[in-house]
mmCIF file of all heavy atoms, coordinates in Angstrom:
data_MODEL
# 
_entry.id   MODEL 
# 
loop_
_atom_site.group_PDB 
_atom_site.id 
_atom_site.type_symbol 
_atom_site.label_atom_id 
_atom_site.label_alt_id 
_atom_site.label_comp_id 
_atom_site.label_asym_id 
_atom_site.label_entity_id 
_atom_site.label_seq_id 
_atom_site.pdbx_PDB_ins_code 
_atom_site.Cartn_x 
_atom_site.Cartn_y 
_atom_site.Cartn_z 
_atom_site.occupancy 
_atom_site.B_iso_or_equiv 
_atom_site.pdbx_formal_charge 
_atom_site.auth_seq_id 
_atom_site.auth_comp_id 
_atom_site.auth_asym_id 
_atom_site.auth_atom_id 
_atom_site.pdbx_PDB_model_num 
ATOM 1   N N   . VAL A 1 1  ? 164.661 1.168   -82.066 1.00 0.00 ? 1  VAL A N   1 
ATOM 2   C CA  . VAL A 1 1  ? 164.134 0.013   -82.794 1.00 0.00 ? 1  VAL A CA  1 
ATOM 3   C C   . VAL A 1 1  ? 164.518 -1.285  -82.099 1.00 0.00 ? 1  VAL A C   1 
ATOM 4   O O   . VAL A 1 1  ? 163.681 -2.191  -81.929 1.00 0.00 ? 1  VAL A O   1 
ATOM 5   C CB  . VAL A 1 1  ? 164.649 0.020   -84.247 1.00 0.00 ? 1  VAL A CB  1 
ATOM 6   C CG1 . VAL A 1 1  ? 164.293 -1.285  -84.959 1.00 0.00 ? 1  VAL A CG1 1 
ATOM 7   C CG2 . VAL A 1 1  ? 164.068 1.200   -85.016 1.00 0.00 ? 1  VAL A CG2 1 
ATOM 8   N N   . ILE A 1 2  ? 165.765 -1.403  -81.668 1.00 0.00 ? 2  ILE A N   1 
ATOM 9   C CA  . ILE A 1 2  ? 166.206 -2.623  -80.991 1.00 0.00 ? 2  ILE A CA  1 
ATOM 10  C C   . ILE A 1 2  ? 165.452 -2.808  -79.674 1.00 0.00 ? 2  ILE A C   1 
ATOM 11  O O   . ILE A 1 2  ? 164.994 -3.921  -79.356 1.00 0.00 ? 2  ILE A O   1 
ATOM 12  C CB  . ILE A 1 2  ? 167.726 -2.588  -80.748 1.00 0.00 ? 2  ILE A CB  1 
ATOM 13  C CG1 . ILE A 1 2  ? 168.486 -2.634  -82.076 1.00 0.00 ? 2  ILE A CG1 1 
ATOM 14  C CG2 . ILE A 1 2  ? 168.158 -3.760  -79.868 1.00 0.00 ? 2  ILE A CG2 1 
ATOM 15  C CD1 . ILE A 1 2  ? 169.997 -2.514  -81.935 1.00 0.00 ? 2  ILE A CD1 1 
ATOM 16  N N   . SER A 1 3  ? 165.306 -1.750  -78.913 1.00 0.00 ? 3  SER A N   1 
ATOM 17  C CA  . SER A 1 3  ? 164.638 -1.849  -77.610 1.00 0.00 ? 3  SER A CA  1 
ATOM 18  C C   . SER A 1 3  ? 163.179 -2.252  -77.764 1.00 0.00 ? 3  SER A C   1 
ATOM 19  O O   . SER A 1 3  ? 162.696 -3.179  -77.093 1.00 0.00 ? 3  SER A O   1 
ATOM 20  C CB  . SER A 1 3  ? 164.746 -0.519  -76.859 1.00 0.00 ? 3  SER A CB  1 
ATOM 21  O OG  . SER A 1 3  ? 166.094 -0.174  -76.619 1.00 0.00 ? 3  SER A OG  1 
ATOM 22  N N   . ILE A 1 4  ? 162.456 -1.569  -78.660 1.00 0.00 ? 4  ILE A N   1 
ATOM 23  C CA  . ILE A 1 4  ? 161.045 -1.897  -78.870 1.00 0.00 ? 4  ILE A CA  1 
ATOM 24  C C   . ILE A 1 4  ? 160.896 -3.319  -79.399 1.00 0.00 ? 4  ILE A C   1 
ATOM 25  O O   . ILE A 1 4  ? 160.037 -4.089  -78.942 1.00 0.00 ? 4  ILE A O   1 
ATOM 26  C CB  . ILE A 1 4  ? 160.402 -0.878  -79.830 1.00 0.00 ? 4  ILE A CB  1 
ATOM 27  C CG1 . ILE A 1 4  ? 160.370 0.508   -79.199 1.00 0.00 ? 4  ILE A CG1 1 
ATOM 28  C CG2 . ILE A 1 4  ? 158.987 -1.314  -80.212 1.00 0.00 ? 4  ILE A CG2 1 
ATOM 29  C CD1 . ILE A 1 4  ? 159.903 1.601   -80.144 1.00 0.00 ? 4  ILE A CD1 1 
ATOM 30  N N   . SER A 1 5  ? 161.730 -3.697  -80.351 1.00 0.00 ? 5  SER A N   1 
ATOM 31  C CA  . SER A 1 5  ? 161.645 -5.037  -80.936 1.00 0.00 ? 5  SER A CA  1 
ATOM 32  C C   . SER A 1 5  ? 161.937 -6.119  -79.903 1.00 0.00 ? 5  SER A C   1 
ATOM 33  O O   . SER A 1 5  ? 161.264 -7.151  -79.855 1.00 0.00 ? 5  SER A O   1 
ATOM 34  C CB  . SER A 1 5  ? 162.614 -5.155  -82.111 1.00 0.00 ? 5  SER A CB  1 
ATOM 35  O OG  . SER A 1 5  ? 162.305 -4.224  -83.129 1.00 0.00 ? 5  SER A OG  1 
ATOM 36  N N   . ASN A 1 6  ? 162.941 -5.892  -79.069 1.00 0.00 ? 6  ASN A N   1 
ATOM 37  C CA  . ASN A 1 6  ? 163.280 -6.890  -78.052 1.00 0.00 ? 6  ASN A CA  1 
ATOM 38  C C   . ASN A 1 6  ? 162.178 -7.054  -77.018 1.00 0.00 ? 6  ASN A C   1 
ATOM 39  O O   . ASN A 1 6  ? 161.894 -8.166  -76.564 1.00 0.00 ? 6  ASN A O   1 
ATOM 40  C CB  . ASN A 1 6  ? 164.591 -6.505  -77.359 1.00 0.00 ? 6  ASN A CB  1 
ATOM 41  C CG  . ASN A 1 6  ? 165.803 -6.725  -78.241 1.00 0.00 ? 6  ASN A CG  1 
ATOM 42  O OD1 . ASN A 1 6  ? 165.699 -7.290  -79.324 1.00 0.00 ? 6  ASN A OD1 1 
ATOM 43  N ND2 . ASN A 1 6  ? 166.953 -6.275  -77.786 1.00 0.00 ? 6  ASN A ND2 1 
ATOM 44  N N   . ILE A 1 7  ? 161.554 -5.955  -76.627 1.00 0.00 ? 7  ILE A N   1 
ATOM 45  C CA  . ILE A 1 7  ? 160.448 -6.034  -75.669 1.00 0.00 ? 7  ILE A CA  1 
ATOM 46  C C   . ILE A 1 7  ? 159.299 -6.849  -76.250 1.00 0.00 ? 7  ILE A C   1 
ATOM 47  O O   . ILE A 1 7  ? 158.748 -7.754  -75.600 1.00 0.00 ? 7  ILE A O   1 
ATOM 48  C CB  . ILE A 1 7  ? 159.978 -4.624  -75.281 1.00 0.00 ? 7  ILE A CB  1 
ATOM 49  C CG1 . ILE A 1 7  ? 161.054 -3.905  -74.460 1.00 0.00 ? 7  ILE A CG1 1 
ATOM 50  C CG2 . ILE A 1 7  ? 158.674 -4.686  -74.489 1.00 0.00 ? 7  ILE A CG2 1 
ATOM 51  C CD1 . ILE A 1 7  ? 160.763 -2.445  -74.197 1.00 0.00 ? 7  ILE A CD1 1 
ATOM 52  N N   . ILE A 1 8  ? 158.931 -6.555  -77.493 1.00 0.00 ? 8  ILE A N   1 
ATOM 53  C CA  . ILE A 1 8  ? 157.844 -7.298  -78.141 1.00 0.00 ? 8  ILE A CA  1 
ATOM 54  C C   . ILE A 1 8  ? 158.229 -8.757  -78.317 1.00 0.00 ? 8  ILE A C   1 
ATOM 55  O O   . ILE A 1 8  ? 157.408 -9.674  -78.101 1.00 0.00 ? 8  ILE A O   1 
ATOM 56  C CB  . ILE A 1 8  ? 157.498 -6.655  -79.496 1.00 0.00 ? 8  ILE A CB  1 
ATOM 57  C CG1 . ILE A 1 8  ? 156.954 -5.240  -79.290 1.00 0.00 ? 8  ILE A CG1 1 
ATOM 58  C CG2 . ILE A 1 8  ? 156.484 -7.502  -80.261 1.00 0.00 ? 8  ILE A CG2 1 
ATOM 59  C CD1 . ILE A 1 8  ? 156.716 -4.477  -80.584 1.00 0.00 ? 8  ILE A CD1 1 
ATOM 60  N N   . LEU A 1 9  ? 159.483 -9.016  -78.698 1.00 0.00 ? 9  LEU A N   1 
ATOM 61  C CA  . LEU A 1 9  ? 159.940 -10.381 -78.924 1.00 0.00 ? 9  LEU A CA  1 
ATOM 62  C C   . LEU A 1 9  ? 159.848 -11.220 -77.653 1.00 0.00 ? 9  LEU A C   1 
ATOM 63  O O   . LEU A 1 9  ? 159.331 -12.351 -77.670 1.00 0.00 ? 9  LEU A O   1 
ATOM 64  C CB  . LEU A 1 9  ? 161.376 -10.358 -79.442 1.00 0.00 ? 9  LEU A CB  1 
ATOM 65  C CG  . LEU A 1 9  ? 162.083 -11.713 -79.625 1.00 0.00 ? 9  LEU A CG  1 
ATOM 66  C CD1 . LEU A 1 9  ? 161.332 -12.572 -80.621 1.00 0.00 ? 9  LEU A CD1 1 
ATOM 67  C CD2 . LEU A 1 9  ? 163.526 -11.508 -80.058 1.00 0.00 ? 9  LEU A CD2 1 
ATOM 68  N N   . VAL A 1 10 ? 160.334 -10.690 -76.547 1.00 0.00 ? 10 VAL A N   1 
ATOM 69  C CA  . VAL A 1 10 ? 160.317 -11.441 -75.289 1.00 0.00 ? 10 VAL A CA  1 
ATOM 70  C C   . VAL A 1 10 ? 158.889 -11.674 -74.813 1.00 0.00 ? 10 VAL A C   1 
ATOM 71  O O   . VAL A 1 10 ? 158.532 -12.789 -74.388 1.00 0.00 ? 10 VAL A O   1 
ATOM 72  C CB  . VAL A 1 10 ? 161.141 -10.696 -74.223 1.00 0.00 ? 10 VAL A CB  1 
ATOM 73  C CG1 . VAL A 1 10 ? 160.990 -11.369 -72.859 1.00 0.00 ? 10 VAL A CG1 1 
ATOM 74  C CG2 . VAL A 1 10 ? 162.607 -10.661 -74.615 1.00 0.00 ? 10 VAL A CG2 1 
ATOM 75  N N   . LEU A 1 11 ? 158.045 -10.657 -74.874 1.00 0.00 ? 11 LEU A N   1 
ATOM 76  C CA  . LEU A 1 11 ? 156.664 -10.801 -74.408 1.00 0.00 ? 11 LEU A CA  1 
ATOM 77  C C   . LEU A 1 11 ? 155.870 -11.761 -75.294 1.00 0.00 ? 11 LEU A C   1 
ATOM 78  O O   . LEU A 1 11 ? 155.085 -12.584 -74.793 1.00 0.00 ? 11 LEU A O   1 
ATOM 79  C CB  . LEU A 1 11 ? 155.981 -9.429  -74.365 1.00 0.00 ? 11 LEU A CB  1 
ATOM 80  C CG  . LEU A 1 11 ? 156.523 -8.448  -73.324 1.00 0.00 ? 11 LEU A CG  1 
ATOM 81  C CD1 . LEU A 1 11 ? 155.765 -7.123  -73.392 1.00 0.00 ? 11 LEU A CD1 1 
ATOM 82  C CD2 . LEU A 1 11 ? 156.428 -9.033  -71.921 1.00 0.00 ? 11 LEU A CD2 1 
ATOM 83  N N   . ALA A 1 12 ? 156.065 -11.690 -76.617 1.00 0.00 ? 12 ALA A N   1 
ATOM 84  C CA  . ALA A 1 12 ? 155.360 -12.603 -77.521 1.00 0.00 ? 12 ALA A CA  1 
ATOM 85  C C   . ALA A 1 12 ? 155.815 -14.045 -77.298 1.00 0.00 ? 12 ALA A C   1 
ATOM 86  O O   . ALA A 1 12 ? 154.995 -14.971 -77.322 1.00 0.00 ? 12 ALA A O   1 
ATOM 87  C CB  . ALA A 1 12 ? 155.593 -12.181 -78.972 1.00 0.00 ? 12 ALA A CB  1 
ATOM 88  N N   . THR A 1 13 ? 157.116 -14.239 -77.101 1.00 0.00 ? 13 THR A N   1 
ATOM 89  C CA  . THR A 1 13 ? 157.626 -15.585 -76.823 1.00 0.00 ? 13 THR A CA  1 
ATOM 90  C C   . THR A 1 13 ? 157.074 -16.114 -75.513 1.00 0.00 ? 13 THR A C   1 
ATOM 91  O O   . THR A 1 13 ? 156.672 -17.286 -75.419 1.00 0.00 ? 13 THR A O   1 
ATOM 92  C CB  . THR A 1 13 ? 159.160 -15.571 -76.779 1.00 0.00 ? 13 THR A CB  1 
ATOM 93  O OG1 . THR A 1 13 ? 159.672 -15.025 -77.989 1.00 0.00 ? 13 THR A OG1 1 
ATOM 94  C CG2 . THR A 1 13 ? 159.710 -16.970 -76.595 1.00 0.00 ? 13 THR A CG2 1 
ATOM 95  N N   . PHE A 1 14 ? 157.054 -15.266 -74.496 1.00 0.00 ? 14 PHE A N   1 
ATOM 96  C CA  . PHE A 1 14 ? 156.501 -15.657 -73.200 1.00 0.00 ? 14 PHE A CA  1 
ATOM 97  C C   . PHE A 1 14 ? 155.033 -16.060 -73.339 1.00 0.00 ? 14 PHE A C   1 
ATOM 98  O O   . PHE A 1 14 ? 154.605 -17.090 -72.793 1.00 0.00 ? 14 PHE A O   1 
ATOM 99  C CB  . PHE A 1 14 ? 156.648 -14.495 -72.219 1.00 0.00 ? 14 PHE A CB  1 
ATOM 100 C CG  . PHE A 1 14 ? 155.968 -14.711 -70.896 1.00 0.00 ? 14 PHE A CG  1 
ATOM 101 C CD1 . PHE A 1 14 ? 156.538 -15.516 -69.935 1.00 0.00 ? 14 PHE A CD1 1 
ATOM 102 C CD2 . PHE A 1 14 ? 154.754 -14.103 -70.625 1.00 0.00 ? 14 PHE A CD2 1 
ATOM 103 C CE1 . PHE A 1 14 ? 155.907 -15.723 -68.719 1.00 0.00 ? 14 PHE A CE1 1 
ATOM 104 C CE2 . PHE A 1 14 ? 154.126 -14.293 -69.411 1.00 0.00 ? 14 PHE A CE2 1 
ATOM 105 C CZ  . PHE A 1 14 ? 154.700 -15.105 -68.446 1.00 0.00 ? 14 PHE A CZ  1 
ATOM 106 N N   . SER A 1 15 ? 154.254 -15.283 -74.067 1.00 0.00 ? 15 SER A N   1 
ATOM 107 C CA  . SER A 1 15 ? 152.837 -15.593 -74.261 1.00 0.00 ? 15 SER A CA  1 
ATOM 108 C C   . SER A 1 15 ? 152.654 -16.900 -75.027 1.00 0.00 ? 15 SER A C   1 
ATOM 109 O O   . SER A 1 15 ? 151.811 -17.732 -74.678 1.00 0.00 ? 15 SER A O   1 
ATOM 110 C CB  . SER A 1 15 ? 152.158 -14.439 -75.006 1.00 0.00 ? 15 SER A CB  1 
ATOM 111 O OG  . SER A 1 15 ? 150.802 -14.728 -75.256 1.00 0.00 ? 15 SER A OG  1 
ATOM 112 N N   . LEU A 1 16 ? 153.468 -17.120 -76.068 1.00 0.00 ? 16 LEU A N   1 
ATOM 113 C CA  . LEU A 1 16 ? 153.372 -18.345 -76.853 1.00 0.00 ? 16 LEU A CA  1 
ATOM 114 C C   . LEU A 1 16 ? 153.728 -19.574 -76.026 1.00 0.00 ? 16 LEU A C   1 
ATOM 115 O O   . LEU A 1 16 ? 153.022 -20.593 -76.055 1.00 0.00 ? 16 LEU A O   1 
ATOM 116 C CB  . LEU A 1 16 ? 154.284 -18.250 -78.072 1.00 0.00 ? 16 LEU A CB  1 
ATOM 117 C CG  . LEU A 1 16 ? 154.361 -19.498 -78.971 1.00 0.00 ? 16 LEU A CG  1 
ATOM 118 C CD1 . LEU A 1 16 ? 153.027 -19.758 -79.630 1.00 0.00 ? 16 LEU A CD1 1 
ATOM 119 C CD2 . LEU A 1 16 ? 155.455 -19.341 -80.022 1.00 0.00 ? 16 LEU A CD2 1 
ATOM 120 N N   . VAL A 1 17 ? 154.811 -19.486 -75.282 1.00 0.00 ? 17 VAL A N   1 
ATOM 121 C CA  . VAL A 1 17 ? 155.262 -20.635 -74.477 1.00 0.00 ? 17 VAL A CA  1 
ATOM 122 C C   . VAL A 1 17 ? 154.240 -20.977 -73.397 1.00 0.00 ? 17 VAL A C   1 
ATOM 123 O O   . VAL A 1 17 ? 153.941 -22.156 -73.157 1.00 0.00 ? 17 VAL A O   1 
ATOM 124 C CB  . VAL A 1 17 ? 156.643 -20.331 -73.859 1.00 0.00 ? 17 VAL A CB  1 
ATOM 125 C CG1 . VAL A 1 17 ? 157.020 -21.391 -72.834 1.00 0.00 ? 17 VAL A CG1 1 
ATOM 126 C CG2 . VAL A 1 17 ? 157.697 -20.273 -74.943 1.00 0.00 ? 17 VAL A CG2 1 
ATOM 127 N N   . MET A 1 18 ? 153.674 -19.969 -72.757 1.00 0.00 ? 18 MET A N   1 
ATOM 128 C CA  . MET A 1 18 ? 152.659 -20.231 -71.738 1.00 0.00 ? 18 MET A CA  1 
ATOM 129 C C   . MET A 1 18 ? 151.407 -20.833 -72.358 1.00 0.00 ? 18 MET A C   1 
ATOM 130 O O   . MET A 1 18 ? 150.772 -21.720 -71.772 1.00 0.00 ? 18 MET A O   1 
ATOM 131 C CB  . MET A 1 18 ? 152.321 -18.944 -70.994 1.00 0.00 ? 18 MET A CB  1 
ATOM 132 C CG  . MET A 1 18 ? 153.422 -18.452 -70.068 1.00 0.00 ? 18 MET A CG  1 
ATOM 133 S SD  . MET A 1 18 ? 153.946 -19.688 -68.866 1.00 0.00 ? 18 MET A SD  1 
ATOM 134 C CE  . MET A 1 18 ? 152.415 -20.015 -67.997 1.00 0.00 ? 18 MET A CE  1 
ATOM 135 N N   . GLY A 1 19 ? 151.046 -20.381 -73.559 1.00 0.00 ? 19 GLY A N   1 
ATOM 136 C CA  . GLY A 1 19 ? 149.883 -20.953 -74.238 1.00 0.00 ? 19 GLY A CA  1 
ATOM 137 C C   . GLY A 1 19 ? 150.084 -22.412 -74.588 1.00 0.00 ? 19 GLY A C   1 
ATOM 138 O O   . GLY A 1 19 ? 149.176 -23.237 -74.422 1.00 0.00 ? 19 GLY A O   1 
ATOM 139 N N   . VAL A 1 20 ? 151.286 -22.765 -75.046 1.00 0.00 ? 20 VAL A N   1 
ATOM 140 C CA  . VAL A 1 20 ? 151.592 -24.158 -75.373 1.00 0.00 ? 20 VAL A CA  1 
ATOM 141 C C   . VAL A 1 20 ? 151.645 -25.004 -74.113 1.00 0.00 ? 20 VAL A C   1 
ATOM 142 O O   . VAL A 1 20 ? 151.218 -26.163 -74.104 1.00 0.00 ? 20 VAL A O   1 
ATOM 143 C CB  . VAL A 1 20 ? 152.922 -24.245 -76.148 1.00 0.00 ? 20 VAL A CB  1 
ATOM 144 C CG1 . VAL A 1 20 ? 153.352 -25.693 -76.345 1.00 0.00 ? 20 VAL A CG1 1 
ATOM 145 C CG2 . VAL A 1 20 ? 152.801 -23.555 -77.494 1.00 0.00 ? 20 VAL A CG2 1 
ATOM 146 N N   . PHE A 1 21 ? 152.162 -24.449 -73.028 1.00 0.00 ? 21 PHE A N   1 
ATOM 147 C CA  . PHE A 1 21 ? 152.227 -25.187 -71.771 1.00 0.00 ? 21 PHE A CA  1 
ATOM 148 C C   . PHE A 1 21 ? 150.828 -25.503 -71.243 1.00 0.00 ? 21 PHE A C   1 
ATOM 149 O O   . PHE A 1 21 ? 150.567 -26.608 -70.758 1.00 0.00 ? 21 PHE A O   1 
ATOM 150 C CB  . PHE A 1 21 ? 153.014 -24.385 -70.738 1.00 0.00 ? 21 PHE A CB  1 
ATOM 151 C CG  . PHE A 1 21 ? 153.040 -25.013 -69.377 1.00 0.00 ? 21 PHE A CG  1 
ATOM 152 C CD1 . PHE A 1 21 ? 153.872 -26.088 -69.109 1.00 0.00 ? 21 PHE A CD1 1 
ATOM 153 C CD2 . PHE A 1 21 ? 152.230 -24.530 -68.367 1.00 0.00 ? 21 PHE A CD2 1 
ATOM 154 C CE1 . PHE A 1 21 ? 153.887 -26.677 -67.852 1.00 0.00 ? 21 PHE A CE1 1 
ATOM 155 C CE2 . PHE A 1 21 ? 152.244 -25.111 -67.104 1.00 0.00 ? 21 PHE A CE2 1 
ATOM 156 C CZ  . PHE A 1 21 ? 153.071 -26.179 -66.849 1.00 0.00 ? 21 PHE A CZ  1 
ATOM 157 N N   . LEU A 1 22 ? 149.921 -24.542 -71.325 1.00 0.00 ? 22 LEU A N   1 
ATOM 158 C CA  . LEU A 1 22 ? 148.563 -24.754 -70.832 1.00 0.00 ? 22 LEU A CA  1 
ATOM 159 C C   . LEU A 1 22 ? 147.751 -25.664 -71.751 1.00 0.00 ? 22 LEU A C   1 
ATOM 160 O O   . LEU A 1 22 ? 146.854 -26.369 -71.291 1.00 0.00 ? 22 LEU A O   1 
ATOM 161 C CB  . LEU A 1 22 ? 147.858 -23.402 -70.675 1.00 0.00 ? 22 LEU A CB  1 
ATOM 162 C CG  . LEU A 1 22 ? 148.466 -22.459 -69.619 1.00 0.00 ? 22 LEU A CG  1 
ATOM 163 C CD1 . LEU A 1 22 ? 147.757 -21.118 -69.641 1.00 0.00 ? 22 LEU A CD1 1 
ATOM 164 C CD2 . LEU A 1 22 ? 148.385 -23.087 -68.229 1.00 0.00 ? 22 LEU A CD2 1 
ATOM 165 N N   . ASN A 1 23 ? 148.068 -25.653 -73.058 1.00 0.00 ? 23 ASN A N   1 
ATOM 166 C CA  . ASN A 1 23 ? 147.347 -26.496 -74.016 1.00 0.00 ? 23 ASN A CA  1 
ATOM 167 C C   . ASN A 1 23 ? 148.341 -27.065 -75.016 1.00 0.00 ? 23 ASN A C   1 
ATOM 168 O O   . ASN A 1 23 ? 148.578 -26.469 -76.072 1.00 0.00 ? 23 ASN A O   1 
ATOM 169 C CB  . ASN A 1 23 ? 146.256 -25.691 -74.731 1.00 0.00 ? 23 ASN A CB  1 
ATOM 170 C CG  . ASN A 1 23 ? 145.451 -26.563 -75.699 1.00 0.00 ? 23 ASN A CG  1 
ATOM 171 O OD1 . ASN A 1 23 ? 145.515 -27.784 -75.653 1.00 0.00 ? 23 ASN A OD1 1 
ATOM 172 N ND2 . ASN A 1 23 ? 144.684 -25.915 -76.569 1.00 0.00 ? 23 ASN A ND2 1 
ATOM 173 N N   . PRO A 1 24 ? 148.978 -28.222 -74.714 1.00 0.00 ? 24 PRO A N   1 
ATOM 174 C CA  . PRO A 1 24 ? 149.993 -28.787 -75.606 1.00 0.00 ? 24 PRO A CA  1 
ATOM 175 C C   . PRO A 1 24 ? 149.485 -29.093 -77.010 1.00 0.00 ? 24 PRO A C   1 
ATOM 176 O O   . PRO A 1 24 ? 150.275 -29.186 -77.944 1.00 0.00 ? 24 PRO A O   1 
ATOM 177 C CB  . PRO A 1 24 ? 150.431 -30.068 -74.884 1.00 0.00 ? 24 PRO A CB  1 
ATOM 178 C CG  . PRO A 1 24 ? 150.058 -29.842 -73.447 1.00 0.00 ? 24 PRO A CG  1 
ATOM 179 C CD  . PRO A 1 24 ? 148.825 -29.011 -73.497 1.00 0.00 ? 24 PRO A CD  1 
ATOM 180 N N   . GLN A 1 25 ? 148.173 -29.275 -77.173 1.00 0.00 ? 25 GLN A N   1 
ATOM 181 C CA  . GLN A 1 25 ? 147.610 -29.608 -78.482 1.00 0.00 ? 25 GLN A CA  1 
ATOM 182 C C   . GLN A 1 25 ? 147.152 -28.380 -79.258 1.00 0.00 ? 25 GLN A C   1 
ATOM 183 O O   . GLN A 1 25 ? 146.429 -28.512 -80.249 1.00 0.00 ? 25 GLN A O   1 
ATOM 184 C CB  . GLN A 1 25 ? 146.420 -30.571 -78.316 1.00 0.00 ? 25 GLN A CB  1 
ATOM 185 C CG  . GLN A 1 25 ? 146.821 -31.979 -77.903 1.00 0.00 ? 25 GLN A CG  1 
ATOM 186 C CD  . GLN A 1 25 ? 145.636 -32.916 -77.901 1.00 0.00 ? 25 GLN A CD  1 
ATOM 187 O OE1 . GLN A 1 25 ? 144.587 -32.608 -77.356 1.00 0.00 ? 25 GLN A OE1 1 
ATOM 188 N NE2 . GLN A 1 25 ? 145.785 -34.062 -78.530 1.00 0.00 ? 25 GLN A NE2 1 
ATOM 189 N N   . ILE A 1 26 ? 147.607 -27.211 -78.839 1.00 0.00 ? 26 ILE A N   1 
ATOM 190 C CA  . ILE A 1 26 ? 147.142 -25.987 -79.492 1.00 0.00 ? 26 ILE A CA  1 
ATOM 191 C C   . ILE A 1 26 ? 147.577 -25.925 -80.950 1.00 0.00 ? 26 ILE A C   1 
ATOM 192 O O   . ILE A 1 26 ? 146.937 -25.290 -81.788 1.00 0.00 ? 26 ILE A O   1 
ATOM 193 C CB  . ILE A 1 26 ? 147.640 -24.755 -78.716 1.00 0.00 ? 26 ILE A CB  1 
ATOM 194 C CG1 . ILE A 1 26 ? 146.844 -23.513 -79.129 1.00 0.00 ? 26 ILE A CG1 1 
ATOM 195 C CG2 . ILE A 1 26 ? 149.131 -24.546 -78.917 1.00 0.00 ? 26 ILE A CG2 1 
ATOM 196 C CD1 . ILE A 1 26 ? 147.083 -22.324 -78.235 1.00 0.00 ? 26 ILE A CD1 1 
ATOM 197 N N   . TRP A 1 27 ? 148.722 -26.611 -81.301 1.00 0.00 ? 27 TRP A N   1 
ATOM 198 C CA  . TRP A 1 27 ? 149.181 -26.621 -82.688 1.00 0.00 ? 27 TRP A CA  1 
ATOM 199 C C   . TRP A 1 27 ? 148.291 -27.471 -83.577 1.00 0.00 ? 27 TRP A C   1 
ATOM 200 O O   . TRP A 1 27 ? 148.385 -27.384 -84.801 1.00 0.00 ? 27 TRP A O   1 
ATOM 201 C CB  . TRP A 1 27 ? 150.617 -27.148 -82.758 1.00 0.00 ? 27 TRP A CB  1 
ATOM 202 C CG  . TRP A 1 27 ? 151.607 -26.334 -82.020 1.00 0.00 ? 27 TRP A CG  1 
ATOM 203 C CD1 . TRP A 1 27 ? 152.286 -26.686 -80.891 1.00 0.00 ? 27 TRP A CD1 1 
ATOM 204 C CD2 . TRP A 1 27 ? 152.038 -25.007 -82.330 1.00 0.00 ? 27 TRP A CD2 1 
ATOM 205 N NE1 . TRP A 1 27 ? 153.112 -25.666 -80.481 1.00 0.00 ? 27 TRP A NE1 1 
ATOM 206 C CE2 . TRP A 1 27 ? 152.991 -24.628 -81.350 1.00 0.00 ? 27 TRP A CE2 1 
ATOM 207 C CE3 . TRP A 1 27 ? 151.724 -24.098 -83.346 1.00 0.00 ? 27 TRP A CE3 1 
ATOM 208 C CZ2 . TRP A 1 27 ? 153.613 -23.384 -81.358 1.00 0.00 ? 27 TRP A CZ2 1 
ATOM 209 C CZ3 . TRP A 1 27 ? 152.355 -22.861 -83.344 1.00 0.00 ? 27 TRP A CZ3 1 
ATOM 210 C CH2 . TRP A 1 27 ? 153.279 -22.514 -82.363 1.00 0.00 ? 27 TRP A CH2 1 
# 
């Protein structure tokens, strides 16, 4: 559970941060 959750957490955070970087007004 910890391993799967951490993998999803890091990848989702990476995707979110890159999306905000490419479009700062996405919020």
